Amino acid sequence: REREPLLQGEPASSDPHRLVLPLAQAHVFFRDVQKDATAVEGGEEATRALLLKLDPENGGHSLGYEPFCTYLCGGDNDVHDPRKEAEVYQDLGRPLSHYWIASSHNTYLEGDQLRSASSVNRYINDLSKGCRCVELDCWDGEPGVHGPKGEVPDPIIYHGHTLTKKILFKDVIQAVADYSFQTSPLPIILSFENHCSIPVQQKMAAYCVEILGDKLAVPRLTPEGQLPSPKSLEGKVIIKAKYLPTENRRHSFVEGAAAAAGEETAAEPLEEEDSESEPEEEGEMPKKKKDKKKKKVKIAAELSAITFLGGTHFKDWELSKGVDANLMSSFGETKSEKLLGKAAANWVEYNTRQMSRIYPAGHRVNSSNYDPVPHWCAGSQIVALNYQTGSAPMQLNDGLFRDNGRSGYLLKPACLRAPGFDPDQPGPPRQKLVVHVISGSQFPKPEGAHKGEVIDPYVVVEVTGVAPDRRQCKTAVIDDNGFNPIFDETFEFDICQPELAILNLCVMDKDLDADDFIASAALRVTAVRQGFRSVALRDARGHRQGLFQFASLLCRFELTDL
């Protein structure tokens, strides 16, 4: 069909390469179509400076065709607001419970939950990606193997009762000390799944104190009884573990240090109910279901003394209101989903005061992931995923935590920081998002293969968030063209809670049986830049390299308040 002009008043020409956009029209484009902050705030002179950068040969007086195309498809025109990705701009002075925190599950594993290798490098990799909460499944090492014969063995990390490989606890703590604050100064949370004997727990505490030094956060609350803020904990490492009741935690590690040298130490057995929804401990594989009973858990005073966030079993909503803010619970995905289904508003209220951690169900032995979005929408701060598994949930996780300078901490929207919000009844639509999928460029074959059939791509445009906002649309399939397919389709989304919504654009390859994933891009709706924008696509693991380096979509985005 006849080409529609990209801009109103576009100069007519039989040769598009001779098109030139004068300064006045360029300013209208950047101000009114692109909603470019520089053009809006700085006027025509700011646009002139932009044109000078894009097309220096024209001296800032106009924009030629080729520089214009380079701009449209370039990284500076990415749909994600670059300031939100490059800068930590949010308020970091609120209690920890007011933030979403990028979190990894069974961080040590390189693959599945049964036989895969464990590696200290997994911690380094996740920390480098902006993850701020990592997990350590701690067990007694083997005497004479993990330490000198005749002495208390070192603690080790592995997935209990499986064939996964074992690594030393102290090596992980050293990696945390060395790499935690290279990408962000905001606090790191070490989630201990503690299966160790008292003497080995004492060694755990000793290693944390010795290796982390002044990086180790001192357990405390604010005078108002709230958790401290991320800002006040910059450069600190927080320990999350089961701990002794408050009255038994008053002695310091130094006072109990003699016990680590061989003297007797107080250790109080704690009673903990088995979870109703998860038949196994988080750090173990499923066993045959037993009758529900209380079990004794012994905690070393030395480890309890350095524990900042204390793990406790969730009883019910009313009892939780009287619990100290530094006590938190972990929930399997199944239990969390049940709470969401029965009392979502109560779940939100709980998460305004307390911290909660969500983790994958035990049946996910292939290290697959669950949908994190409903748990974020309920205010859960620590929604732990298998970072080693490239999957749609991890792509959503990457899209969410691109925001706020990739710091790993996101201030939850106001509706999740105070009681009263029900994600099942989020109110009427507040914003309309229009996505015009125009074209694609340089799509690789599935999994970046060098050989194979030419792909038949289509684009899935999805908004996910609270239930009324979840909607998925698809373009038509373009046969035999992964290089420069033209889609030219428009989709509209009415969004009730834009602050909780994530936009995901996914390129798929139509096949006779199961369609193949090609590449995708995810971002918060609040980070979308309006206008004609390039969408940089990434592979299943979130990488943009190799054959994926130039894969992109060209789309127009419009946001309108309702």
Protein backbone atom coordinates (compact mmCIF):
# COMPACT_ATOMS: atom_id res chain seq x y z
CA ARG A 1 0.00 0.00 0.00
CA GLU A 2 1.02 3.63 -0.34
CA ARG A 3 3.45 4.60 2.40
CA GLU A 4 1.90 6.83 5.06
CA PRO A 5 4.09 9.75 6.14
CA LEU A 6 5.82 9.21 9.45
CA LEU A 7 5.40 12.90 10.28
CA GLN A 8 2.76 15.45 9.50
CA GLY A 9 4.12 17.81 6.84
CA GLU A 10 6.84 15.39 5.75
CA PRO A 11 8.49 16.75 2.57
CA ALA A 12 7.36 14.84 -0.51
CA SER A 13 10.06 13.21 -2.61
CA SER A 14 10.30 10.29 -5.00
CA ASP A 15 13.64 9.37 -3.43
CA PRO A 16 13.37 8.90 0.35
CA HIS A 17 17.15 9.16 0.71
CA ARG A 18 16.86 12.83 -0.31
CA LEU A 19 14.30 13.65 2.38
CA VAL A 20 15.35 16.35 4.82
CA LEU A 21 13.38 17.29 7.94
CA PRO A 22 13.70 21.03 8.76
CA LEU A 23 14.37 22.10 12.34
CA ALA A 24 10.82 23.35 12.97
CA GLN A 25 9.24 20.06 11.92
CA ALA A 26 11.90 18.06 13.72
CA HIS A 27 11.09 19.98 16.90
CA VAL A 28 7.38 19.17 16.54
CA PHE A 29 8.27 15.50 16.07
CA PHE A 30 10.53 15.26 19.12
CA ARG A 31 8.22 17.36 21.30
CA ASP A 32 4.76 16.11 20.36
CA VAL A 33 5.32 12.61 19.00
CA GLN A 34 8.36 11.37 20.90
CA LYS A 35 7.51 13.36 24.04
CA ASP A 36 11.26 13.85 24.36
CA ALA A 37 12.00 15.53 27.68
CA THR A 38 14.85 17.56 26.20
CA ALA A 39 12.65 19.00 23.45
CA VAL A 40 9.71 19.57 25.81
CA GLU A 41 11.78 21.35 28.46
CA GLY A 42 14.42 23.06 26.30
CA GLY A 43 12.41 24.18 23.30
CA GLU A 44 13.66 24.46 19.73
CA GLU A 45 17.23 25.25 20.76
CA ALA A 46 17.42 21.94 22.61
CA THR A 47 16.15 20.20 19.47
CA ARG A 48 18.82 22.00 17.45
CA ALA A 49 21.50 20.57 19.75
CA LEU A 50 19.99 17.11 19.29
CA LEU A 51 20.00 17.47 15.48
CA LEU A 52 23.61 18.60 15.60
CA LYS A 53 24.46 15.38 17.40
CA LEU A 54 22.42 13.19 15.04
CA ASP A 55 23.31 14.92 11.76
CA PRO A 56 26.38 17.16 12.18
CA GLU A 57 26.68 17.76 8.41
CA ASN A 58 23.46 19.80 8.45
CA GLY A 59 24.67 22.00 11.33
CA GLY A 60 21.58 21.42 13.48
CA HIS A 61 19.28 23.06 10.91
CA SER A 62 17.69 19.84 9.61
CA LEU A 63 17.71 16.07 9.86
CA GLY A 64 18.50 13.88 6.85
CA TYR A 65 16.89 10.57 5.99
CA GLU A 66 19.76 8.26 6.90
CA PRO A 67 20.60 9.95 10.25
CA PHE A 68 16.88 9.85 11.03
CA CYS A 69 16.75 6.09 10.36
CA THR A 70 19.90 5.61 12.44
CA TYR A 71 18.22 7.47 15.29
CA LEU A 72 15.01 5.42 15.06
CA CYS A 73 16.83 2.08 15.25
CA GLY A 74 19.60 3.15 17.62
CA GLY A 75 20.14 2.43 21.29
CA ASP A 76 19.48 6.06 22.24
CA ASN A 77 15.91 5.60 21.01
CA ASP A 78 15.18 2.50 23.09
CA VAL A 79 11.65 2.24 24.45
CA HIS A 80 12.91 1.95 28.03
CA ASP A 81 13.50 5.35 29.64
CA PRO A 82 17.31 5.53 29.83
CA ARG A 83 17.29 7.75 32.90
CA LYS A 84 15.31 5.16 34.86
CA GLU A 85 17.78 2.47 33.86
CA ALA A 86 20.91 4.52 34.48
CA GLU A 87 19.99 6.38 37.67
CA VAL A 88 18.89 5.38 41.17
CA TYR A 89 16.14 7.98 41.41
CA GLN A 90 13.67 6.54 43.91
CA ASP A 91 13.39 7.33 47.62
CA LEU A 92 15.57 4.83 49.51
CA GLY A 93 14.72 6.13 52.98
CA ARG A 94 11.67 3.98 53.70
CA PRO A 95 11.54 0.66 55.63
CA LEU A 96 12.90 -2.41 53.83
CA SER A 97 9.38 -3.85 53.68
CA HIS A 98 8.40 -1.07 51.24
CA TYR A 99 10.63 -2.40 48.44
CA TRP A 100 10.71 -5.16 45.88
CA ILE A 101 14.13 -6.82 46.05
CA ALA A 102 15.72 -8.79 43.20
CA SER A 103 16.09 -12.30 44.62
CA SER A 104 17.62 -15.63 43.61
CA HIS A 105 16.55 -19.13 44.71
CA ASN A 106 19.10 -21.89 45.39
CA THR A 107 21.68 -19.50 44.04
CA TYR A 108 24.52 -22.04 44.11
CA LEU A 109 23.00 -24.35 41.46
CA GLU A 110 24.11 -24.18 37.82
CA GLY A 111 21.29 -26.38 36.52
CA ASP A 112 18.57 -28.67 37.85
CA GLN A 113 17.75 -29.38 41.49
CA LEU A 114 18.89 -33.02 41.52
CA ARG A 115 22.28 -33.58 39.89
CA SER A 116 23.71 -30.27 38.74
CA ALA A 117 26.97 -28.66 39.78
CA SER A 118 27.15 -26.06 42.52
CA SER A 119 29.42 -23.08 42.04
CA VAL A 120 30.64 -19.99 43.88
CA ASN A 121 30.57 -18.27 40.47
CA ARG A 122 26.78 -18.48 40.48
CA TYR A 123 26.75 -16.02 43.38
CA ILE A 124 29.18 -13.73 41.59
CA ASN A 125 27.09 -13.86 38.39
CA ASP A 126 23.80 -13.12 40.13
CA LEU A 127 25.28 -10.29 42.17
CA SER A 128 26.69 -8.78 38.97
CA LYS A 129 23.16 -8.82 37.48
CA GLY A 130 21.83 -6.71 40.33
CA CYS A 131 20.44 -9.53 42.47
CA ARG A 132 20.36 -8.38 46.13
CA CYS A 133 19.08 -11.49 47.92
CA VAL A 134 20.84 -14.84 47.49
CA GLU A 135 20.22 -18.19 49.15
CA LEU A 136 22.61 -20.51 50.99
CA ASP A 137 21.44 -24.05 51.87
CA CYS A 138 23.76 -24.87 54.77
CA TRP A 139 24.64 -28.39 55.93
CA ASP A 140 27.30 -30.06 58.04
CA GLY A 141 30.38 -30.98 56.03
CA GLU A 142 31.91 -34.44 56.20
CA PRO A 143 34.46 -34.84 59.03
CA GLY A 144 37.97 -35.23 57.64
CA VAL A 145 36.83 -34.12 54.16
CA HIS A 146 35.55 -30.61 54.80
CA GLY A 147 38.08 -29.73 57.47
CA PRO A 148 40.86 -31.42 59.49
CA LYS A 149 40.19 -34.88 60.85
CA GLY A 150 39.01 -34.86 64.44
CA GLU A 151 37.73 -31.27 64.29
CA VAL A 152 34.30 -29.78 63.69
CA PRO A 153 33.76 -29.91 59.91
CA ASP A 154 33.20 -26.80 57.84
CA PRO A 155 29.65 -25.92 56.78
CA ILE A 156 28.91 -26.77 53.15
CA ILE A 157 26.27 -25.63 50.66
CA TYR A 158 24.28 -27.98 48.43
CA HIS A 159 20.70 -29.10 47.78
CA GLY A 160 20.09 -31.52 50.63
CA HIS A 161 19.49 -35.23 49.96
CA THR A 162 20.35 -34.90 46.26
CA LEU A 163 23.37 -35.57 44.04
CA THR A 164 24.13 -31.88 43.55
CA LYS A 165 27.76 -30.95 44.14
CA LYS A 166 28.94 -29.39 47.40
CA ILE A 167 30.80 -26.10 47.91
CA LEU A 168 32.23 -24.53 51.05
CA PHE A 169 30.18 -21.98 52.97
CA LYS A 170 33.24 -19.85 53.68
CA ASP A 171 34.04 -19.57 49.95
CA VAL A 172 30.56 -18.18 49.28
CA ILE A 173 30.86 -15.68 52.14
CA GLN A 174 34.21 -14.57 50.70
CA ALA A 175 32.61 -14.06 47.27
CA VAL A 176 29.83 -12.02 48.88
CA ALA A 177 32.43 -9.86 50.63
CA ASP A 178 34.36 -9.34 47.38
CA TYR A 179 31.56 -8.82 44.83
CA SER A 180 28.39 -7.62 46.58
CA PHE A 181 28.83 -3.90 46.06
CA GLN A 182 30.47 -3.65 42.65
CA THR A 183 27.19 -2.85 40.86
CA SER A 184 25.17 -1.31 43.69
CA PRO A 185 25.85 -0.06 47.23
CA LEU A 186 22.45 -1.20 48.45
CA PRO A 187 22.31 -4.00 51.04
CA ILE A 188 22.67 -7.68 50.29
CA ILE A 189 20.44 -10.24 52.02
CA LEU A 190 21.86 -13.71 52.67
CA SER A 191 18.97 -16.13 53.12
CA PHE A 192 20.27 -19.06 55.20
CA GLU A 193 18.42 -22.37 54.97
CA ASN A 194 20.04 -23.79 58.09
CA HIS A 195 20.32 -27.57 58.53
CA CYS A 196 23.55 -27.52 60.55
CA SER A 197 24.43 -28.83 63.98
CA ILE A 198 25.19 -26.34 66.75
CA PRO A 199 29.01 -26.60 66.44
CA VAL A 200 28.83 -26.06 62.67
CA GLN A 201 26.45 -23.13 63.14
CA GLN A 202 29.07 -21.60 65.40
CA LYS A 203 31.58 -21.89 62.56
CA MET A 204 29.07 -20.27 60.21
CA ALA A 205 28.79 -17.30 62.56
CA ALA A 206 32.57 -17.10 62.99
CA TYR A 207 33.13 -17.04 59.21
CA CYS A 208 30.52 -14.29 58.75
CA VAL A 209 32.12 -12.11 61.41
CA GLU A 210 35.69 -12.79 60.28
CA ILE A 211 35.17 -12.42 56.51
CA LEU A 212 32.45 -9.76 56.33
CA GLY A 213 33.82 -7.61 59.13
CA ASP A 214 32.14 -4.21 59.28
CA LYS A 215 30.03 -5.12 56.23
CA LEU A 216 27.92 -7.33 58.51
CA ALA A 217 24.70 -5.51 59.45
CA VAL A 218 23.96 -5.21 63.16
CA PRO A 219 20.41 -6.42 63.98
CA ARG A 220 18.22 -3.43 64.83
CA LEU A 221 14.88 -1.72 64.31
CA THR A 222 14.09 1.99 64.11
CA PRO A 223 12.75 3.75 67.24
CA GLU A 224 9.28 3.40 65.68
CA GLY A 225 9.70 -0.38 65.54
CA GLN A 226 10.12 -0.45 61.76
CA LEU A 227 12.80 -2.05 59.65
CA PRO A 228 15.65 0.30 58.69
CA SER A 229 15.86 1.68 55.17
CA PRO A 230 18.04 0.50 52.28
CA LYS A 231 19.79 3.88 52.39
CA SER A 232 20.81 3.41 56.02
CA LEU A 233 22.12 -0.08 55.21
CA GLU A 234 24.29 0.80 52.20
CA GLY A 235 27.36 -1.41 52.02
CA LYS A 236 25.92 -3.88 54.53
CA VAL A 237 25.20 -7.61 54.40
CA ILE A 238 21.99 -8.73 56.13
CA ILE A 239 21.63 -12.25 57.52
CA LYS A 240 18.18 -13.85 57.25
CA ALA A 241 17.80 -17.08 59.23
CA LYS A 242 15.87 -18.74 62.04
CA TYR A 243 16.90 -17.25 65.35
CA LEU A 244 16.33 -17.41 69.09
CA PRO A 245 13.63 -15.36 70.84
CA THR A 246 14.70 -11.77 71.51
CA GLU A 247 15.54 -12.25 75.19
CA ASN A 248 18.08 -14.92 74.27
CA ARG A 249 19.83 -12.75 71.65
CA ARG A 250 21.12 -9.98 73.89
CA HIS A 251 24.64 -11.32 74.34
CA SER A 252 26.99 -10.39 71.54
CA PHE A 253 28.97 -12.69 69.32
CA VAL A 254 32.10 -11.65 71.21
CA GLU A 255 30.57 -12.78 74.51
CA GLY A 256 29.77 -16.14 73.03
CA ALA A 257 32.97 -16.50 71.03
CA ALA A 258 34.56 -18.79 73.59
CA ALA A 259 31.99 -21.41 72.67
CA ALA A 260 33.32 -21.51 69.14
CA ALA A 261 36.64 -22.57 70.64
CA GLY A 262 35.03 -25.56 72.31
CA GLU A 263 33.07 -24.37 75.33
CA GLU A 264 29.38 -25.15 75.81
CA THR A 265 26.94 -22.64 74.29
CA ALA A 266 23.27 -22.05 74.96
CA ALA A 267 21.02 -23.26 72.18
CA GLU A 268 17.30 -23.22 72.62
CA PRO A 269 15.11 -25.64 70.66
CA LEU A 270 12.41 -23.80 68.75
CA GLU A 271 9.11 -25.37 67.84
CA GLU A 272 8.08 -24.91 64.24
CA GLU A 273 5.01 -26.26 62.50
CA ASP A 274 5.30 -27.91 59.13
CA SER A 275 3.84 -25.81 56.36
CA GLU A 276 0.39 -26.84 55.22
CA SER A 277 1.15 -26.39 51.54
CA GLU A 278 4.76 -27.54 51.27
CA PRO A 279 5.53 -31.09 52.45
CA GLU A 280 9.26 -30.45 52.69
CA GLU A 281 11.75 -27.98 54.09
CA GLU A 282 12.70 -25.40 51.51
CA GLY A 283 16.28 -26.64 51.28
CA GLU A 284 15.37 -30.31 50.89
CA MET A 285 13.76 -32.45 48.24
CA PRO A 286 10.21 -33.75 48.84
CA LYS A 287 9.82 -36.75 51.10
CA LYS A 288 6.81 -38.91 51.79
CA LYS A 289 4.15 -36.84 53.44
CA LYS A 290 4.06 -37.26 57.20
CA ASP A 291 1.43 -36.38 59.73
CA LYS A 292 1.49 -32.72 60.57
CA LYS A 293 3.61 -32.30 63.71
CA LYS A 294 5.85 -29.87 65.48
CA LYS A 295 9.58 -30.35 65.14
CA LYS A 296 12.48 -29.06 67.18
CA VAL A 297 15.02 -26.73 65.58
CA LYS A 298 18.18 -25.86 67.51
CA ILE A 299 19.83 -22.52 66.85
CA ALA A 300 23.31 -21.52 68.02
CA ALA A 301 23.35 -18.32 70.05
CA GLU A 302 26.30 -17.03 68.01
CA LEU A 303 24.40 -17.34 64.73
CA SER A 304 21.25 -15.89 66.27
CA ALA A 305 23.21 -12.86 67.50
CA ILE A 306 24.11 -11.80 63.94
CA THR A 307 20.72 -12.62 62.38
CA PHE A 308 19.01 -9.44 61.17
CA LEU A 309 15.80 -10.91 59.70
CA GLY A 310 14.42 -13.79 61.74
CA GLY A 311 12.55 -16.58 60.02
CA THR A 312 9.27 -17.59 61.63
CA HIS A 313 6.28 -19.73 60.70
CA PHE A 314 3.22 -17.83 59.50
CA LYS A 315 0.16 -18.56 61.66
CA ASP A 316 -2.63 -16.18 60.63
CA TRP A 317 -3.29 -12.56 59.74
CA GLU A 318 -4.30 -11.35 63.21
CA LEU A 319 -1.37 -12.93 65.03
CA SER A 320 1.04 -11.50 62.48
CA LYS A 321 -0.02 -7.94 63.40
CA GLY A 322 1.68 -8.30 66.78
CA VAL A 323 4.93 -9.71 65.40
CA ASP A 324 8.10 -7.63 65.38
CA ALA A 325 8.92 -6.11 61.99
CA ASN A 326 12.23 -8.00 61.77
CA LEU A 327 10.45 -11.37 61.80
CA MET A 328 9.52 -12.69 58.36
CA SER A 329 8.15 -15.84 56.77
CA SER A 330 8.94 -17.83 53.65
CA PHE A 331 6.14 -19.23 51.52
CA GLY A 332 6.22 -21.80 48.76
CA GLU A 333 4.55 -20.57 45.59
CA THR A 334 1.56 -22.86 46.29
CA LYS A 335 0.95 -21.43 49.77
CA SER A 336 1.31 -17.87 48.49
CA GLU A 337 -1.16 -18.53 45.68
CA LYS A 338 -3.67 -19.90 48.22
CA LEU A 339 -3.30 -16.78 50.34
CA LEU A 340 -3.80 -14.64 47.24
CA GLY A 341 -6.93 -16.57 46.33
CA LYS A 342 -8.49 -16.38 49.79
CA ALA A 343 -7.49 -12.98 51.15
CA ALA A 344 -5.42 -10.87 48.78
CA ALA A 345 -6.07 -7.64 50.71
CA ASN A 346 -4.82 -9.23 53.94
CA TRP A 347 -1.73 -10.43 52.10
CA VAL A 348 -1.04 -6.87 50.94
CA GLU A 349 -1.50 -5.51 54.47
CA TYR A 350 0.89 -8.12 55.88
CA ASN A 351 3.54 -7.08 53.36
CA THR A 352 3.33 -3.43 54.37
CA ARG A 353 4.76 -4.38 57.81
CA GLN A 354 6.60 -7.65 57.43
CA MET A 355 8.94 -9.08 54.83
CA SER A 356 7.91 -12.21 52.94
CA ARG A 357 9.93 -14.51 50.72
CA ILE A 358 8.34 -16.61 47.97
CA TYR A 359 10.20 -19.60 46.54
CA PRO A 360 9.53 -22.22 43.81
CA ALA A 361 7.61 -25.39 44.65
CA GLY A 362 9.62 -28.53 45.36
CA HIS A 363 8.32 -30.29 42.26
CA ARG A 364 10.28 -27.91 40.00
CA VAL A 365 13.26 -30.27 39.86
CA ASN A 366 14.23 -28.93 36.42
CA SER A 367 14.70 -25.47 37.99
CA SER A 368 11.72 -24.02 36.14
CA ASN A 369 10.14 -20.84 37.45
CA TYR A 370 6.69 -19.70 38.50
CA ASP A 371 4.92 -16.48 37.50
CA PRO A 372 6.28 -13.82 39.88
CA VAL A 373 3.83 -11.06 38.96
CA PRO A 374 0.88 -12.00 41.24
CA HIS A 375 3.26 -12.14 44.21
CA TRP A 376 4.72 -8.71 43.37
CA CYS A 377 1.17 -7.38 43.07
CA ALA A 378 0.49 -8.61 46.62
CA GLY A 379 3.52 -6.70 47.88
CA SER A 380 5.86 -9.62 48.52
CA GLN A 381 9.34 -8.17 48.66
CA ILE A 382 11.53 -11.23 48.03
CA VAL A 383 10.14 -13.24 45.09
CA ALA A 384 12.97 -15.72 44.55
CA LEU A 385 13.53 -17.22 41.09
CA ASN A 386 15.97 -19.69 39.56
CA TYR A 387 18.31 -17.21 37.89
CA GLN A 388 20.14 -19.99 36.04
CA THR A 389 17.02 -20.82 33.98
CA GLY A 390 16.18 -18.69 30.96
CA SER A 391 12.39 -18.42 30.98
CA ALA A 392 9.48 -16.01 30.71
CA PRO A 393 9.40 -15.40 34.50
CA MET A 394 13.07 -14.42 34.48
CA GLN A 395 12.45 -12.11 31.51
CA LEU A 396 9.73 -10.37 33.54
CA ASN A 397 12.10 -10.19 36.50
CA ASP A 398 14.79 -8.60 34.32
CA GLY A 399 12.24 -6.17 32.91
CA LEU A 400 11.04 -5.07 36.35
CA PHE A 401 14.49 -4.61 37.85
CA ARG A 402 15.84 -2.62 34.89
CA ASP A 403 14.21 0.26 36.70
CA ASN A 404 15.81 2.43 39.41
CA GLY A 405 19.30 2.16 37.99
CA ARG A 406 19.32 -1.66 38.03
CA SER A 407 20.02 -1.33 41.75
CA GLY A 408 18.01 -4.41 42.72
CA TYR A 409 15.66 -2.34 44.92
CA LEU A 410 12.36 -0.87 43.69
CA LEU A 411 10.07 1.23 45.84
CA LYS A 412 6.68 -0.45 45.78
CA PRO A 413 3.79 1.73 44.53
CA ALA A 414 1.89 3.69 47.17
CA CYS A 415 -1.04 1.26 46.99
CA LEU A 416 1.22 -1.53 48.31
CA ARG A 417 2.80 0.53 51.10
CA ALA A 418 -0.39 1.05 53.11
CA PRO A 419 -3.33 -1.22 54.02
CA GLY A 420 -6.51 -1.09 51.98
CA PHE A 421 -5.51 -2.18 48.49
CA ASP A 422 -7.03 -5.34 47.02
CA PRO A 423 -5.28 -6.55 43.82
CA ASP A 424 -8.47 -8.41 42.90
CA GLN A 425 -10.40 -5.11 42.90
CA PRO A 426 -7.89 -2.56 41.61
CA GLY A 427 -10.43 0.05 40.54
CA PRO A 428 -11.30 1.37 37.06
CA PRO A 429 -8.77 1.75 34.23
CA ARG A 430 -6.51 4.78 34.69
CA GLN A 431 -4.40 4.65 31.55
CA LYS A 432 -4.60 3.47 27.95
CA LEU A 433 -1.51 2.00 26.30
CA VAL A 434 -1.48 1.78 22.49
CA VAL A 435 1.22 -0.37 20.88
CA HIS A 436 1.68 -0.18 17.11
CA VAL A 437 4.02 -3.01 16.07
CA ILE A 438 5.52 -1.70 12.84
CA SER A 439 8.41 -3.95 11.86
CA GLY A 440 11.24 -6.19 12.99
CA SER A 441 14.91 -6.42 12.19
CA GLN A 442 17.48 -9.23 12.12
CA PHE A 443 15.65 -11.89 14.13
CA PRO A 444 17.91 -14.91 14.78
CA LYS A 445 16.78 -18.49 14.42
CA PRO A 446 15.56 -20.32 17.55
CA GLU A 447 18.27 -20.42 20.24
CA GLY A 448 20.54 -18.44 17.93
CA ALA A 449 21.15 -21.40 15.62
CA HIS A 450 23.28 -20.77 12.52
CA LYS A 451 21.46 -23.38 10.42
CA GLY A 452 17.81 -24.20 9.89
CA GLU A 453 14.75 -22.99 8.07
CA VAL A 454 13.97 -19.32 7.62
CA ILE A 455 11.68 -18.38 10.47
CA ASP A 456 8.01 -17.38 10.25
CA PRO A 457 7.85 -14.71 12.97
CA TYR A 458 4.96 -13.17 14.83
CA VAL A 459 4.94 -10.87 17.85
CA VAL A 460 3.11 -11.47 21.13
CA VAL A 461 2.28 -8.20 22.89
CA GLU A 462 1.32 -8.77 26.51
CA VAL A 463 0.55 -6.64 29.53
CA THR A 464 0.72 -8.44 32.87
CA GLY A 465 -0.08 -7.09 36.33
CA VAL A 466 -3.21 -7.23 38.47
CA ALA A 467 -5.79 -9.65 37.08
CA PRO A 468 -7.94 -7.13 35.14
CA ASP A 469 -4.83 -5.75 33.42
CA ARG A 470 -3.56 -9.10 32.11
CA ARG A 471 -4.11 -9.33 28.35
CA GLN A 472 -2.24 -10.87 25.43
CA CYS A 473 -2.43 -10.02 21.71
CA LYS A 474 -0.66 -11.45 18.66
CA THR A 475 0.26 -10.12 15.24
CA ALA A 476 -0.25 -12.14 12.10
CA VAL A 477 2.53 -14.53 11.07
CA ILE A 478 4.97 -13.25 8.43
CA ASP A 479 6.15 -16.18 6.33
CA ASP A 480 9.83 -16.74 5.56
CA ASN A 481 11.20 -13.42 6.77
CA GLY A 482 13.28 -13.03 9.90
CA PHE A 483 15.37 -10.22 8.44
CA ASN A 484 12.95 -7.30 8.01
CA PRO A 485 9.32 -8.41 8.53
CA ILE A 486 6.57 -5.77 8.39
CA PHE A 487 3.75 -6.37 10.90
CA ASP A 488 1.86 -3.03 10.98
CA GLU A 489 -0.68 -3.98 13.66
CA THR A 490 -2.00 -1.94 16.58
CA PHE A 491 -3.19 -3.12 20.00
CA GLU A 492 -4.82 -1.22 22.86
CA PHE A 493 -4.66 -1.98 26.58
CA ASP A 494 -6.74 -0.32 29.32
CA ILE A 495 -4.68 -0.49 32.51
CA CYS A 496 -6.03 -0.14 36.05
CA GLN A 497 -2.69 -0.10 37.88
CA PRO A 498 0.11 1.14 35.57
CA GLU A 499 2.63 1.05 38.44
CA LEU A 500 2.11 -2.73 38.74
CA ALA A 501 1.98 -3.46 35.00
CA ILE A 502 4.77 -4.96 32.90
CA LEU A 503 4.81 -4.82 29.09
CA ASN A 504 6.34 -7.86 27.39
CA LEU A 505 7.00 -8.07 23.64
CA CYS A 506 7.98 -11.54 22.52
CA VAL A 507 8.96 -12.72 19.03
CA MET A 508 7.93 -16.29 18.23
CA ASP A 509 8.52 -18.60 15.26
CA LYS A 510 5.39 -20.34 13.98
CA ASP A 511 5.91 -24.08 13.68
CA LEU A 512 3.79 -27.10 12.85
CA ASP A 513 3.90 -28.39 16.41
CA ALA A 514 5.15 -26.11 19.19
CA ASP A 515 6.07 -22.54 18.28
CA ASP A 516 9.65 -21.59 19.11
CA PHE A 517 10.77 -18.67 21.25
CA ILE A 518 13.08 -16.26 19.40
CA ALA A 519 13.65 -13.20 21.60
CA SER A 520 11.82 -10.78 23.87
CA ALA A 521 11.89 -7.50 25.76
CA ALA A 522 10.09 -6.65 29.00
CA LEU A 523 9.76 -3.38 30.90
CA ARG A 524 7.50 -1.64 33.36
CA VAL A 525 4.70 0.35 31.74
CA THR A 526 5.87 3.34 33.81
CA ALA A 527 9.27 3.11 32.05
CA VAL A 528 7.81 3.15 28.49
CA ARG A 529 8.86 6.11 26.34
CA GLN A 530 6.21 7.32 23.94
CA GLY A 531 6.61 7.75 20.21
CA PHE A 532 8.39 5.70 17.56
CA ARG A 533 10.83 3.57 19.53
CA SER A 534 13.30 0.77 19.01
CA VAL A 535 12.77 -2.32 21.17
CA ALA A 536 16.06 -4.11 21.82
CA LEU A 537 15.40 -7.86 21.98
CA ARG A 538 17.23 -10.38 24.16
CA ASP A 539 17.62 -14.14 24.16
CA ALA A 540 15.98 -16.47 26.70
CA ARG A 541 18.73 -15.76 29.24
CA GLY A 542 18.42 -12.02 28.91
CA HIS A 543 21.59 -11.58 26.85
CA ARG A 544 21.98 -9.21 23.90
CA GLN A 545 25.08 -10.54 22.21
CA GLY A 546 26.15 -12.62 19.22
CA LEU A 547 23.30 -13.04 16.75
CA PHE A 548 20.96 -11.19 19.12
CA GLN A 549 23.05 -8.03 19.13
CA PHE A 550 20.99 -6.29 16.44
CA ALA A 551 17.60 -8.01 16.88
CA SER A 552 14.92 -5.38 17.43
CA LEU A 553 11.37 -4.22 16.84
CA LEU A 554 10.22 -0.80 15.69
CA CYS A 555 7.00 0.20 17.43
CA ARG A 556 5.01 3.29 18.25
CA PHE A 557 3.84 3.67 21.85
CA GLU A 558 1.16 6.02 23.13
CA LEU A 559 0.04 6.49 26.75
CA THR A 560 -3.14 8.38 27.62
CA ASP A 561 -4.63 9.04 31.05
CA LEU A 562 -8.27 7.99 31.32
